[in-house]
Amino acid sequence: LQLLIDDFRRQDRVHAGSLIISVFGDAVVPRGGRIWLGSLIRLLEPL
């Protein structure tokens, strides 16, 4: 479990826009399709 997240965190290059689209499709759409920017930042910071 840890290795999957650590591997992602160690990447030198992250396609942030593509990841955000994944988050919108999977987590934001079921909650109405909108999110506060500060909340999005908080959710993605651990990655």
ModelCIF file with pLDDT and N, C-alpha, C, O atoms, coordinates in Angstrom:
data_MODEL
#
_entry.id   MODEL 
#
_entity.id                         1 
_entity.type                       polymer 
_entity.pdbx_number_of_molecules   1 
#
_entity_poly.entity_id                      1 
_entity_poly.type                           'polypeptide(L)' 
_entity_poly.nstd_linkage                   no 
_entity_poly.nstd_monomer                   no 
_entity_poly.pdbx_seq_one_letter_code       LQLLIDDFRRQDRVHAGSLIISVFGDAVVPRGGRIWLGSLIRLLEPL 
_entity_poly.pdbx_seq_one_letter_code_can   LQLLIDDFRRQDRVHAGSLIISVFGDAVVPRGGRIWLGSLIRLLEPL 
_entity_poly.pdbx_strand_id                 A 
#
loop_
_entity_poly_seq.entity_id 
_entity_poly_seq.num 
_entity_poly_seq.mon_id 
_entity_poly_seq.hetero 
1 1  LEU n 
1 2  GLN n 
1 3  LEU n 
1 4  LEU n 
1 5  ILE n 
1 6  ASP n 
1 7  ASP n 
1 8  PHE n 
1 9  ARG n 
1 10 ARG n 
1 11 GLN n 
1 12 ASP n 
1 13 ARG n 
1 14 VAL n 
1 15 HIS n 
1 16 ALA n 
1 17 GLY n 
1 18 SER n 
1 19 LEU n 
1 20 ILE n 
1 21 ILE n 
1 22 SER n 
1 23 VAL n 
1 24 PHE n 
1 25 GLY n 
1 26 ASP n 
1 27 ALA n 
1 28 VAL n 
1 29 VAL n 
1 30 PRO n 
1 31 ARG n 
1 32 GLY n 
1 33 GLY n 
1 34 ARG n 
1 35 ILE n 
1 36 TRP n 
1 37 LEU n 
1 38 GLY n 
1 39 SER n 
1 40 LEU n 
1 41 ILE n 
1 42 ARG n 
1 43 LEU n 
1 44 LEU n 
1 45 GLU n 
1 46 PRO n 
1 47 LEU n 
#
_struct_asym.id          A 
_struct_asym.entity_id   1 
#
loop_
_ma_qa_metric.id 
_ma_qa_metric.mode 
_ma_qa_metric.name 
_ma_qa_metric.software_group_id 
_ma_qa_metric.type 
1 global pLDDT . pLDDT 
2 local  pLDDT . pLDDT 
#
_ma_qa_metric_global.metric_id      1 
_ma_qa_metric_global.metric_value   91.49 
_ma_qa_metric_global.model_id       1 
_ma_qa_metric_global.ordinal_id     1 
#
loop_
_ma_qa_metric_local.label_asym_id 
_ma_qa_metric_local.label_comp_id 
_ma_qa_metric_local.label_seq_id 
_ma_qa_metric_local.metric_id 
_ma_qa_metric_local.metric_value 
_ma_qa_metric_local.model_id 
_ma_qa_metric_local.ordinal_id 
A LEU 1  2 82.00 1 1  
A GLN 2  2 81.00 1 2  
A LEU 3  2 85.00 1 3  
A LEU 4  2 90.00 1 4  
A ILE 5  2 89.00 1 5  
A ASP 6  2 87.00 1 6  
A ASP 7  2 87.00 1 7  
A PHE 8  2 89.00 1 8  
A ARG 9  2 86.00 1 9  
A ARG 10 2 84.00 1 10 
A GLN 11 2 80.00 1 11 
A ASP 12 2 70.00 1 12 
A ARG 13 2 73.00 1 13 
A VAL 14 2 75.00 1 14 
A HIS 15 2 86.00 1 15 
A ALA 16 2 91.00 1 16 
A GLY 17 2 93.00 1 17 
A SER 18 2 92.00 1 18 
A LEU 19 2 95.00 1 19 
A ILE 20 2 96.00 1 20 
A ILE 21 2 95.00 1 21 
A SER 22 2 95.00 1 22 
A VAL 23 2 97.00 1 23 
A PHE 24 2 97.00 1 24 
A GLY 25 2 95.00 1 25 
A ASP 26 2 96.00 1 26 
A ALA 27 2 97.00 1 27 
A VAL 28 2 97.00 1 28 
A VAL 29 2 95.00 1 29 
A PRO 30 2 96.00 1 30 
A ARG 31 2 96.00 1 31 
A GLY 32 2 94.00 1 32 
A GLY 33 2 94.00 1 33 
A ARG 34 2 95.00 1 34 
A ILE 35 2 97.00 1 35 
A TRP 36 2 97.00 1 36 
A LEU 37 2 97.00 1 37 
A GLY 38 2 96.00 1 38 
A SER 39 2 97.00 1 39 
A LEU 40 2 97.00 1 40 
A ILE 41 2 97.00 1 41 
A ARG 42 2 97.00 1 42 
A LEU 43 2 97.00 1 43 
A LEU 44 2 96.00 1 44 
A GLU 45 2 95.00 1 45 
A PRO 46 2 94.00 1 46 
A LEU 47 2 93.00 1 47 
#
loop_
_atom_site.group_PDB 
_atom_site.id 
_atom_site.type_symbol 
_atom_site.label_atom_id 
_atom_site.label_alt_id 
_atom_site.label_comp_id 
_atom_site.label_asym_id 
_atom_site.label_entity_id 
_atom_site.label_seq_id 
_atom_site.pdbx_PDB_ins_code 
_atom_site.Cartn_x 
_atom_site.Cartn_y 
_atom_site.Cartn_z 
_atom_site.occupancy 
_atom_site.B_iso_or_equiv 
_atom_site.pdbx_formal_charge 
_atom_site.auth_seq_id 
_atom_site.auth_comp_id 
_atom_site.auth_asym_id 
_atom_site.auth_atom_id 
_atom_site.pdbx_PDB_model_num 
ATOM 1   N N  . LEU A 1 1  ? 0.832   -1.197 0.000   1.00 82.00 ? 1  LEU A N  1 
ATOM 2   C CA . LEU A 1 1  ? 0.000   0.000  0.000   1.00 82.00 ? 1  LEU A CA 1 
ATOM 3   C C  . LEU A 1 1  ? 0.865   1.244  0.000   1.00 82.00 ? 1  LEU A C  1 
ATOM 4   O O  . LEU A 1 1  ? 0.601   2.197  -0.733  1.00 82.00 ? 1  LEU A O  1 
ATOM 5   N N  . GLN A 1 2  ? 1.894   1.230  0.822   1.00 81.00 ? 2  GLN A N  1 
ATOM 6   C CA . GLN A 1 2  ? 2.770   2.390  0.930   1.00 81.00 ? 2  GLN A CA 1 
ATOM 7   C C  . GLN A 1 2  ? 3.568   2.605  -0.348  1.00 81.00 ? 2  GLN A C  1 
ATOM 8   O O  . GLN A 1 2  ? 3.771   3.743  -0.771  1.00 81.00 ? 2  GLN A O  1 
ATOM 9   N N  . LEU A 1 3  ? 4.024   1.511  -0.966  1.00 85.00 ? 3  LEU A N  1 
ATOM 10  C CA . LEU A 1 3  ? 4.855   1.647  -2.152  1.00 85.00 ? 3  LEU A CA 1 
ATOM 11  C C  . LEU A 1 3  ? 4.115   2.326  -3.298  1.00 85.00 ? 3  LEU A C  1 
ATOM 12  O O  . LEU A 1 3  ? 4.707   3.121  -4.028  1.00 85.00 ? 3  LEU A O  1 
ATOM 13  N N  . LEU A 1 4  ? 2.831   2.025  -3.467  1.00 90.00 ? 4  LEU A N  1 
ATOM 14  C CA . LEU A 1 4  ? 2.070   2.647  -4.547  1.00 90.00 ? 4  LEU A CA 1 
ATOM 15  C C  . LEU A 1 4  ? 2.060   4.160  -4.416  1.00 90.00 ? 4  LEU A C  1 
ATOM 16  O O  . LEU A 1 4  ? 2.259   4.872  -5.400  1.00 90.00 ? 4  LEU A O  1 
ATOM 17  N N  . ILE A 1 5  ? 1.829   4.653  -3.208  1.00 89.00 ? 5  ILE A N  1 
ATOM 18  C CA . ILE A 1 5  ? 1.778   6.092  -2.990  1.00 89.00 ? 5  ILE A CA 1 
ATOM 19  C C  . ILE A 1 5  ? 3.176   6.696  -3.033  1.00 89.00 ? 5  ILE A C  1 
ATOM 20  O O  . ILE A 1 5  ? 3.379   7.762  -3.615  1.00 89.00 ? 5  ILE A O  1 
ATOM 21  N N  . ASP A 1 6  ? 4.141   6.012  -2.417  1.00 87.00 ? 6  ASP A N  1 
ATOM 22  C CA . ASP A 1 6  ? 5.514   6.521  -2.427  1.00 87.00 ? 6  ASP A CA 1 
ATOM 23  C C  . ASP A 1 6  ? 6.064   6.617  -3.842  1.00 87.00 ? 6  ASP A C  1 
ATOM 24  O O  . ASP A 1 6  ? 6.755   7.580  -4.175  1.00 87.00 ? 6  ASP A O  1 
ATOM 25  N N  . ASP A 1 7  ? 5.763   5.628  -4.677  1.00 87.00 ? 7  ASP A N  1 
ATOM 26  C CA . ASP A 1 7  ? 6.240   5.659  -6.063  1.00 87.00 ? 7  ASP A CA 1 
ATOM 27  C C  . ASP A 1 7  ? 5.706   6.882  -6.789  1.00 87.00 ? 7  ASP A C  1 
ATOM 28  O O  . ASP A 1 7  ? 6.430   7.529  -7.545  1.00 87.00 ? 7  ASP A O  1 
ATOM 29  N N  . PHE A 1 8  ? 4.449   7.193  -6.560  1.00 89.00 ? 8  PHE A N  1 
ATOM 30  C CA . PHE A 1 8  ? 3.874   8.366  -7.209  1.00 89.00 ? 8  PHE A CA 1 
ATOM 31  C C  . PHE A 1 8  ? 4.514   9.648  -6.674  1.00 89.00 ? 8  PHE A C  1 
ATOM 32  O O  . PHE A 1 8  ? 4.833   10.552 -7.446  1.00 89.00 ? 8  PHE A O  1 
ATOM 33  N N  . ARG A 1 9  ? 4.700   9.728  -5.365  1.00 86.00 ? 9  ARG A N  1 
ATOM 34  C CA . ARG A 1 9  ? 5.253   10.927 -4.744  1.00 86.00 ? 9  ARG A CA 1 
ATOM 35  C C  . ARG A 1 9  ? 6.692   11.191 -5.174  1.00 86.00 ? 9  ARG A C  1 
ATOM 36  O O  . ARG A 1 9  ? 7.151   12.333 -5.140  1.00 86.00 ? 9  ARG A O  1 
ATOM 37  N N  . ARG A 1 10 ? 7.405   10.141 -5.577  1.00 84.00 ? 10 ARG A N  1 
ATOM 38  C CA . ARG A 1 10 ? 8.804   10.297 -5.967  1.00 84.00 ? 10 ARG A CA 1 
ATOM 39  C C  . ARG A 1 10 ? 8.974   10.709 -7.424  1.00 84.00 ? 10 ARG A C  1 
ATOM 40  O O  . ARG A 1 10 ? 10.095  10.987 -7.849  1.00 84.00 ? 10 ARG A O  1 
ATOM 41  N N  . GLN A 1 11 ? 7.910   10.755 -8.190  1.00 80.00 ? 11 GLN A N  1 
ATOM 42  C CA . GLN A 1 11 ? 8.036   11.136 -9.602  1.00 80.00 ? 11 GLN A CA 1 
ATOM 43  C C  . GLN A 1 11 ? 8.578   12.558 -9.743  1.00 80.00 ? 11 GLN A C  1 
ATOM 44  O O  . GLN A 1 11 ? 8.192   13.464 -9.004  1.00 80.00 ? 11 GLN A O  1 
ATOM 45  N N  . ASP A 1 12 ? 9.477   12.730 -10.703 1.00 70.00 ? 12 ASP A N  1 
ATOM 46  C CA . ASP A 1 12 ? 9.987   14.073 -10.985 1.00 70.00 ? 12 ASP A CA 1 
ATOM 47  C C  . ASP A 1 12 ? 8.974   14.905 -11.762 1.00 70.00 ? 12 ASP A C  1 
ATOM 48  O O  . ASP A 1 12 ? 8.956   16.133 -11.669 1.00 70.00 ? 12 ASP A O  1 
ATOM 49  N N  . ARG A 1 13 ? 8.142   14.225 -12.520 1.00 73.00 ? 13 ARG A N  1 
ATOM 50  C CA . ARG A 1 13 ? 7.165   14.942 -13.351 1.00 73.00 ? 13 ARG A CA 1 
ATOM 51  C C  . ARG A 1 13 ? 5.782   14.393 -13.085 1.00 73.00 ? 13 ARG A C  1 
ATOM 52  O O  . ARG A 1 13 ? 5.566   13.182 -13.145 1.00 73.00 ? 13 ARG A O  1 
ATOM 53  N N  . VAL A 1 14 ? 4.854   15.267 -12.795 1.00 75.00 ? 14 VAL A N  1 
ATOM 54  C CA . VAL A 1 14 ? 3.471   14.877 -12.532 1.00 75.00 ? 14 VAL A CA 1 
ATOM 55  C C  . VAL A 1 14 ? 2.561   15.611 -13.508 1.00 75.00 ? 14 VAL A C  1 
ATOM 56  O O  . VAL A 1 14 ? 2.612   16.837 -13.598 1.00 75.00 ? 14 VAL A O  1 
ATOM 57  N N  . HIS A 1 15 ? 1.737   14.881 -14.234 1.00 86.00 ? 15 HIS A N  1 
ATOM 58  C CA . HIS A 1 15 ? 0.741   15.498 -15.110 1.00 86.00 ? 15 HIS A CA 1 
ATOM 59  C C  . HIS A 1 15 ? -0.459  15.878 -14.232 1.00 86.00 ? 15 HIS A C  1 
ATOM 60  O O  . HIS A 1 15 ? -1.450  15.153 -14.146 1.00 86.00 ? 15 HIS A O  1 
ATOM 61  N N  . ALA A 1 16 ? -0.333  17.020 -13.597 1.00 91.00 ? 16 ALA A N  1 
ATOM 62  C CA . ALA A 1 16 ? -1.314  17.408 -12.580 1.00 91.00 ? 16 ALA A CA 1 
ATOM 63  C C  . ALA A 1 16 ? -2.712  17.572 -13.159 1.00 91.00 ? 16 ALA A C  1 
ATOM 64  O O  . ALA A 1 16 ? -3.694  17.194 -12.519 1.00 91.00 ? 16 ALA A O  1 
ATOM 65  N N  . GLY A 1 17 ? -2.815  18.125 -14.353 1.00 93.00 ? 17 GLY A N  1 
ATOM 66  C CA . GLY A 1 17 ? -4.136  18.324 -14.945 1.00 93.00 ? 17 GLY A CA 1 
ATOM 67  C C  . GLY A 1 17 ? -4.857  17.017 -15.172 1.00 93.00 ? 17 GLY A C  1 
ATOM 68  O O  . GLY A 1 17 ? -6.052  16.912 -14.898 1.00 93.00 ? 17 GLY A O  1 
ATOM 69  N N  . SER A 1 18 ? -4.145  16.012 -15.672 1.00 92.00 ? 18 SER A N  1 
ATOM 70  C CA . SER A 1 18 ? -4.752  14.707 -15.893 1.00 92.00 ? 18 SER A CA 1 
ATOM 71  C C  . SER A 1 18 ? -5.202  14.088 -14.576 1.00 92.00 ? 18 SER A C  1 
ATOM 72  O O  . SER A 1 18 ? -6.281  13.499 -14.505 1.00 92.00 ? 18 SER A O  1 
ATOM 73  N N  . LEU A 1 19 ? -4.381  14.216 -13.527 1.00 95.00 ? 19 LEU A N  1 
ATOM 74  C CA . LEU A 1 19 ? -4.758  13.677 -12.220 1.00 95.00 ? 19 LEU A CA 1 
ATOM 75  C C  . LEU A 1 19 ? -5.991  14.386 -11.670 1.00 95.00 ? 19 LEU A C  1 
ATOM 76  O O  . LEU A 1 19 ? -6.869  13.742 -11.096 1.00 95.00 ? 19 LEU A O  1 
ATOM 77  N N  . ILE A 1 20 ? -6.067  15.703 -11.839 1.00 96.00 ? 20 ILE A N  1 
ATOM 78  C CA . ILE A 1 20 ? -7.221  16.463 -11.355 1.00 96.00 ? 20 ILE A CA 1 
ATOM 79  C C  . ILE A 1 20 ? -8.491  16.035 -12.085 1.00 96.00 ? 20 ILE A C  1 
ATOM 80  O O  . ILE A 1 20 ? -9.555  15.943 -11.473 1.00 96.00 ? 20 ILE A O  1 
ATOM 81  N N  . ILE A 1 21 ? -8.389  15.772 -13.382 1.00 95.00 ? 21 ILE A N  1 
ATOM 82  C CA . ILE A 1 21 ? -9.551  15.277 -14.120 1.00 95.00 ? 21 ILE A CA 1 
ATOM 83  C C  . ILE A 1 21 ? -10.001 13.929 -13.558 1.00 95.00 ? 21 ILE A C  1 
ATOM 84  O O  . ILE A 1 21 ? -11.200 13.668 -13.460 1.00 95.00 ? 21 ILE A O  1 
ATOM 85  N N  . SER A 1 22 ? -9.048  13.075 -13.190 1.00 95.00 ? 22 SER A N  1 
ATOM 86  C CA . SER A 1 22 ? -9.403  11.802 -12.572 1.00 95.00 ? 22 SER A CA 1 
ATOM 87  C C  . SER A 1 22 ? -10.143 12.022 -11.252 1.00 95.00 ? 22 SER A C  1 
ATOM 88  O O  . SER A 1 22 ? -11.131 11.343 -10.972 1.00 95.00 ? 22 SER A O  1 
ATOM 89  N N  . VAL A 1 23 ? -9.668  12.968 -10.446 1.00 97.00 ? 23 VAL A N  1 
ATOM 90  C CA . VAL A 1 23 ? -10.305 13.259 -9.163  1.00 97.00 ? 23 VAL A CA 1 
ATOM 91  C C  . VAL A 1 23 ? -11.707 13.815 -9.379  1.00 97.00 ? 23 VAL A C  1 
ATOM 92  O O  . VAL A 1 23 ? -12.638 13.436 -8.669  1.00 97.00 ? 23 VAL A O  1 
ATOM 93  N N  . PHE A 1 24 ? -11.867 14.709 -10.353 1.00 97.00 ? 24 PHE A N  1 
ATOM 94  C CA . PHE A 1 24 ? -13.199 15.246 -10.634 1.00 97.00 ? 24 PHE A CA 1 
ATOM 95  C C  . PHE A 1 24 ? -14.147 14.123 -11.048 1.00 97.00 ? 24 PHE A C  1 
ATOM 96  O O  . PHE A 1 24 ? -15.260 14.028 -10.530 1.00 97.00 ? 24 PHE A O  1 
ATOM 97  N N  . GLY A 1 25 ? -13.713 13.272 -11.978 1.00 95.00 ? 25 GLY A N  1 
ATOM 98  C CA . GLY A 1 25 ? -14.597 12.221 -12.453 1.00 95.00 ? 25 GLY A CA 1 
ATOM 99  C C  . GLY A 1 25 ? -14.970 11.227 -11.374 1.00 95.00 ? 25 GLY A C  1 
ATOM 100 O O  . GLY A 1 25 ? -16.108 10.760 -11.335 1.00 95.00 ? 25 GLY A O  1 
ATOM 101 N N  . ASP A 1 26 ? -14.024 10.890 -10.487 1.00 96.00 ? 26 ASP A N  1 
ATOM 102 C CA . ASP A 1 26 ? -14.278 9.855  -9.514  1.00 96.00 ? 26 ASP A CA 1 
ATOM 103 C C  . ASP A 1 26 ? -14.869 10.377 -8.212  1.00 96.00 ? 26 ASP A C  1 
ATOM 104 O O  . ASP A 1 26 ? -15.777 9.754  -7.661  1.00 96.00 ? 26 ASP A O  1 
ATOM 105 N N  . ALA A 1 27 ? -14.374 11.512 -7.706  1.00 97.00 ? 27 ALA A N  1 
ATOM 106 C CA . ALA A 1 27 ? -14.762 11.966 -6.361  1.00 97.00 ? 27 ALA A CA 1 
ATOM 107 C C  . ALA A 1 27 ? -15.615 13.213 -6.342  1.00 97.00 ? 27 ALA A C  1 
ATOM 108 O O  . ALA A 1 27 ? -16.448 13.372 -5.450  1.00 97.00 ? 27 ALA A O  1 
ATOM 109 N N  . VAL A 1 28 ? -15.428 14.108 -7.310  1.00 97.00 ? 28 VAL A N  1 
ATOM 110 C CA . VAL A 1 28 ? -16.143 15.386 -7.276  1.00 97.00 ? 28 VAL A CA 1 
ATOM 111 C C  . VAL A 1 28 ? -17.530 15.260 -7.901  1.00 97.00 ? 28 VAL A C  1 
ATOM 112 O O  . VAL A 1 28 ? -18.499 15.804 -7.374  1.00 97.00 ? 28 VAL A O  1 
ATOM 113 N N  . VAL A 1 29 ? -17.628 14.551 -9.014  1.00 95.00 ? 29 VAL A N  1 
ATOM 114 C CA . VAL A 1 29 ? -18.932 14.399 -9.681  1.00 95.00 ? 29 VAL A CA 1 
ATOM 115 C C  . VAL A 1 29 ? -19.994 13.819 -8.756  1.00 95.00 ? 29 VAL A C  1 
ATOM 116 O O  . VAL A 1 29 ? -21.113 14.332 -8.744  1.00 95.00 ? 29 VAL A O  1 
ATOM 117 N N  . PRO A 1 30 ? -19.701 12.763 -7.972  1.00 96.00 ? 30 PRO A N  1 
ATOM 118 C CA . PRO A 1 30 ? -20.743 12.242 -7.076  1.00 96.00 ? 30 PRO A CA 1 
ATOM 119 C C  . PRO A 1 30 ? -21.192 13.230 -6.004  1.00 96.00 ? 30 PRO A C  1 
ATOM 120 O O  . PRO A 1 30 ? -22.229 13.020 -5.376  1.00 96.00 ? 30 PRO A O  1 
ATOM 121 N N  . ARG A 1 31 ? -20.426 14.313 -5.781  1.00 96.00 ? 31 ARG A N  1 
ATOM 122 C CA . ARG A 1 31 ? -20.799 15.316 -4.783  1.00 96.00 ? 31 ARG A CA 1 
ATOM 123 C C  . ARG A 1 31 ? -21.229 16.633 -5.437  1.00 96.00 ? 31 ARG A C  1 
ATOM 124 O O  . ARG A 1 31 ? -21.099 17.704 -4.844  1.00 96.00 ? 31 ARG A O  1 
ATOM 125 N N  . GLY A 1 32 ? -21.734 16.537 -6.650  1.00 94.00 ? 32 GLY A N  1 
ATOM 126 C CA . GLY A 1 32 ? -22.308 17.706 -7.295  1.00 94.00 ? 32 GLY A CA 1 
ATOM 127 C C  . GLY A 1 32 ? -21.477 18.314 -8.391  1.00 94.00 ? 32 GLY A C  1 
ATOM 128 O O  . GLY A 1 32 ? -21.940 19.232 -9.067  1.00 94.00 ? 32 GLY A O  1 
ATOM 129 N N  . GLY A 1 33 ? -20.249 17.832 -8.599  1.00 94.00 ? 33 GLY A N  1 
ATOM 130 C CA . GLY A 1 33 ? -19.443 18.301 -9.721  1.00 94.00 ? 33 GLY A CA 1 
ATOM 131 C C  . GLY A 1 33 ? -18.698 19.593 -9.489  1.00 94.00 ? 33 GLY A C  1 
ATOM 132 O O  . GLY A 1 33 ? -18.180 20.174 -10.443 1.00 94.00 ? 33 GLY A O  1 
ATOM 133 N N  . ARG A 1 34 ? -18.622 20.074 -8.238  1.00 95.00 ? 34 ARG A N  1 
ATOM 134 C CA . ARG A 1 34 ? -17.877 21.308 -7.953  1.00 95.00 ? 34 ARG A CA 1 
ATOM 135 C C  . ARG A 1 34 ? -17.177 21.168 -6.610  1.00 95.00 ? 34 ARG A C  1 
ATOM 136 O O  . ARG A 1 34 ? -17.611 20.410 -5.743  1.00 95.00 ? 34 ARG A O  1 
ATOM 137 N N  . ILE A 1 35 ? -16.068 21.925 -6.450  1.00 97.00 ? 35 ILE A N  1 
ATOM 138 C CA . ILE A 1 35 ? -15.276 21.838 -5.230  1.00 97.00 ? 35 ILE A CA 1 
ATOM 139 C C  . ILE A 1 35 ? -14.531 23.151 -5.028  1.00 97.00 ? 35 ILE A C  1 
ATOM 140 O O  . ILE A 1 35 ? -14.124 23.802 -5.990  1.00 97.00 ? 35 ILE A O  1 
ATOM 141 N N  . TRP A 1 36 ? -14.358 23.529 -3.769  1.00 97.00 ? 36 TRP A N  1 
ATOM 142 C CA . TRP A 1 36 ? -13.552 24.709 -3.430  1.00 97.00 ? 36 TRP A CA 1 
ATOM 143 C C  . TRP A 1 36 ? -12.086 24.406 -3.744  1.00 97.00 ? 36 TRP A C  1 
ATOM 144 O O  . TRP A 1 36 ? -11.590 23.321 -3.441  1.00 97.00 ? 36 TRP A O  1 
ATOM 145 N N  . LEU A 1 37 ? -11.403 25.370 -4.352  1.00 97.00 ? 37 LEU A N  1 
ATOM 146 C CA . LEU A 1 37 ? -10.018 25.165 -4.741  1.00 97.00 ? 37 LEU A CA 1 
ATOM 147 C C  . LEU A 1 37 ? -9.151  24.777 -3.542  1.00 97.00 ? 37 LEU A C  1 
ATOM 148 O O  . LEU A 1 37 ? -8.291  23.904 -3.653  1.00 97.00 ? 37 LEU A O  1 
ATOM 149 N N  . GLY A 1 38 ? -9.376  25.425 -2.397  1.00 96.00 ? 38 GLY A N  1 
ATOM 150 C CA . GLY A 1 38 ? -8.592  25.095 -1.209  1.00 96.00 ? 38 GLY A CA 1 
ATOM 151 C C  . GLY A 1 38 ? -8.771  23.647 -0.785  1.00 96.00 ? 38 GLY A C  1 
ATOM 152 O O  . GLY A 1 38 ? -7.825  23.014 -0.317  1.00 96.00 ? 38 GLY A O  1 
ATOM 153 N N  . SER A 1 39 ? -9.971  23.122 -0.944  1.00 97.00 ? 39 SER A N  1 
ATOM 154 C CA . SER A 1 39 ? -10.235 21.732 -0.608  1.00 97.00 ? 39 SER A CA 1 
ATOM 155 C C  . SER A 1 39 ? -9.521  20.792 -1.574  1.00 97.00 ? 39 SER A C  1 
ATOM 156 O O  . SER A 1 39 ? -8.978  19.768 -1.160  1.00 97.00 ? 39 SER A O  1 
ATOM 157 N N  . LEU A 1 40 ? -9.521  21.134 -2.850  1.00 97.00 ? 40 LEU A N  1 
ATOM 158 C CA . LEU A 1 40 ? -8.819  20.327 -3.841  1.00 97.00 ? 40 LEU A CA 1 
ATOM 159 C C  . LEU A 1 40 ? -7.323  20.296 -3.538  1.00 97.00 ? 40 LEU A C  1 
ATOM 160 O O  . LEU A 1 40 ? -6.687  19.245 -3.622  1.00 97.00 ? 40 LEU A O  1 
ATOM 161 N N  . ILE A 1 41 ? -6.773  21.450 -3.188  1.00 97.00 ? 41 ILE A N  1 
ATOM 162 C CA . ILE A 1 41 ? -5.349  21.519 -2.832  1.00 97.00 ? 41 ILE A CA 1 
ATOM 163 C C  . ILE A 1 41 ? -5.056  20.619 -1.641  1.00 97.00 ? 41 ILE A C  1 
ATOM 164 O O  . ILE A 1 41 ? -4.061  19.894 -1.637  1.00 97.00 ? 41 ILE A O  1 
ATOM 165 N N  . ARG A 1 42 ? -5.917  20.665 -0.634  1.00 97.00 ? 42 ARG A N  1 
ATOM 166 C CA . ARG A 1 42 ? -5.720  19.855 0.570   1.00 97.00 ? 42 ARG A CA 1 
ATOM 167 C C  . ARG A 1 42 ? -5.778  18.356 0.245   1.00 97.00 ? 42 ARG A C  1 
ATOM 168 O O  . ARG A 1 42 ? -5.003  17.578 0.801   1.00 97.00 ? 42 ARG A O  1 
ATOM 169 N N  . LEU A 1 43 ? -6.668  17.952 -0.630  1.00 97.00 ? 43 LEU A N  1 
ATOM 170 C CA . LEU A 1 43 ? -6.802  16.548 -0.968  1.00 97.00 ? 43 LEU A CA 1 
ATOM 171 C C  . LEU A 1 43 ? -5.592  16.014 -1.733  1.00 97.00 ? 43 LEU A C  1 
ATOM 172 O O  . LEU A 1 43 ? -5.220  14.851 -1.572  1.00 97.00 ? 43 LEU A O  1 
ATOM 173 N N  . LEU A 1 44 ? -4.976  16.858 -2.563  1.00 96.00 ? 44 LEU A N  1 
ATOM 174 C CA . LEU A 1 44 ? -3.891  16.402 -3.424  1.00 96.00 ? 44 LEU A CA 1 
ATOM 175 C C  . LEU A 1 44 ? -2.505  16.593 -2.814  1.00 96.00 ? 44 LEU A C  1 
ATOM 176 O O  . LEU A 1 44 ? -1.540  15.984 -3.276  1.00 96.00 ? 44 LEU A O  1 
ATOM 177 N N  . GLU A 1 45 ? -2.395  17.424 -1.789  1.00 95.00 ? 45 GLU A N  1 
ATOM 178 C CA . GLU A 1 45 ? -1.081  17.703 -1.193  1.00 95.00 ? 45 GLU A CA 1 
ATOM 179 C C  . GLU A 1 45 ? -0.346  16.449 -0.735  1.00 95.00 ? 45 GLU A C  1 
ATOM 180 O O  . GLU A 1 45 ? 0.870   16.386 -0.915  1.00 95.00 ? 45 GLU A O  1 
ATOM 181 N N  . PRO A 1 46 ? -1.013  15.435 -0.146  1.00 94.00 ? 46 PRO A N  1 
ATOM 182 C CA . PRO A 1 46 ? -0.282  14.237 0.273   1.00 94.00 ? 46 PRO A CA 1 
ATOM 183 C C  . PRO A 1 46 ? 0.344   13.450 -0.876  1.00 94.00 ? 46 PRO A C  1 
ATOM 184 O O  . PRO A 1 46 ? 1.214   12.611 -0.643  1.00 94.00 ? 46 PRO A O  1 
ATOM 185 N N  . LEU A 1 47 ? -0.084  13.707 -2.106  1.00 93.00 ? 47 LEU A N  1 
ATOM 186 C CA . LEU A 1 47 ? 0.526   13.061 -3.260  1.00 93.00 ? 47 LEU A CA 1 
ATOM 187 C C  . LEU A 1 47 ? 1.702   13.861 -3.804  1.00 93.00 ? 47 LEU A C  1 
ATOM 188 O O  . LEU A 1 47 ? 2.329   13.451 -4.781  1.00 93.00 ? 47 LEU A O  1 
#
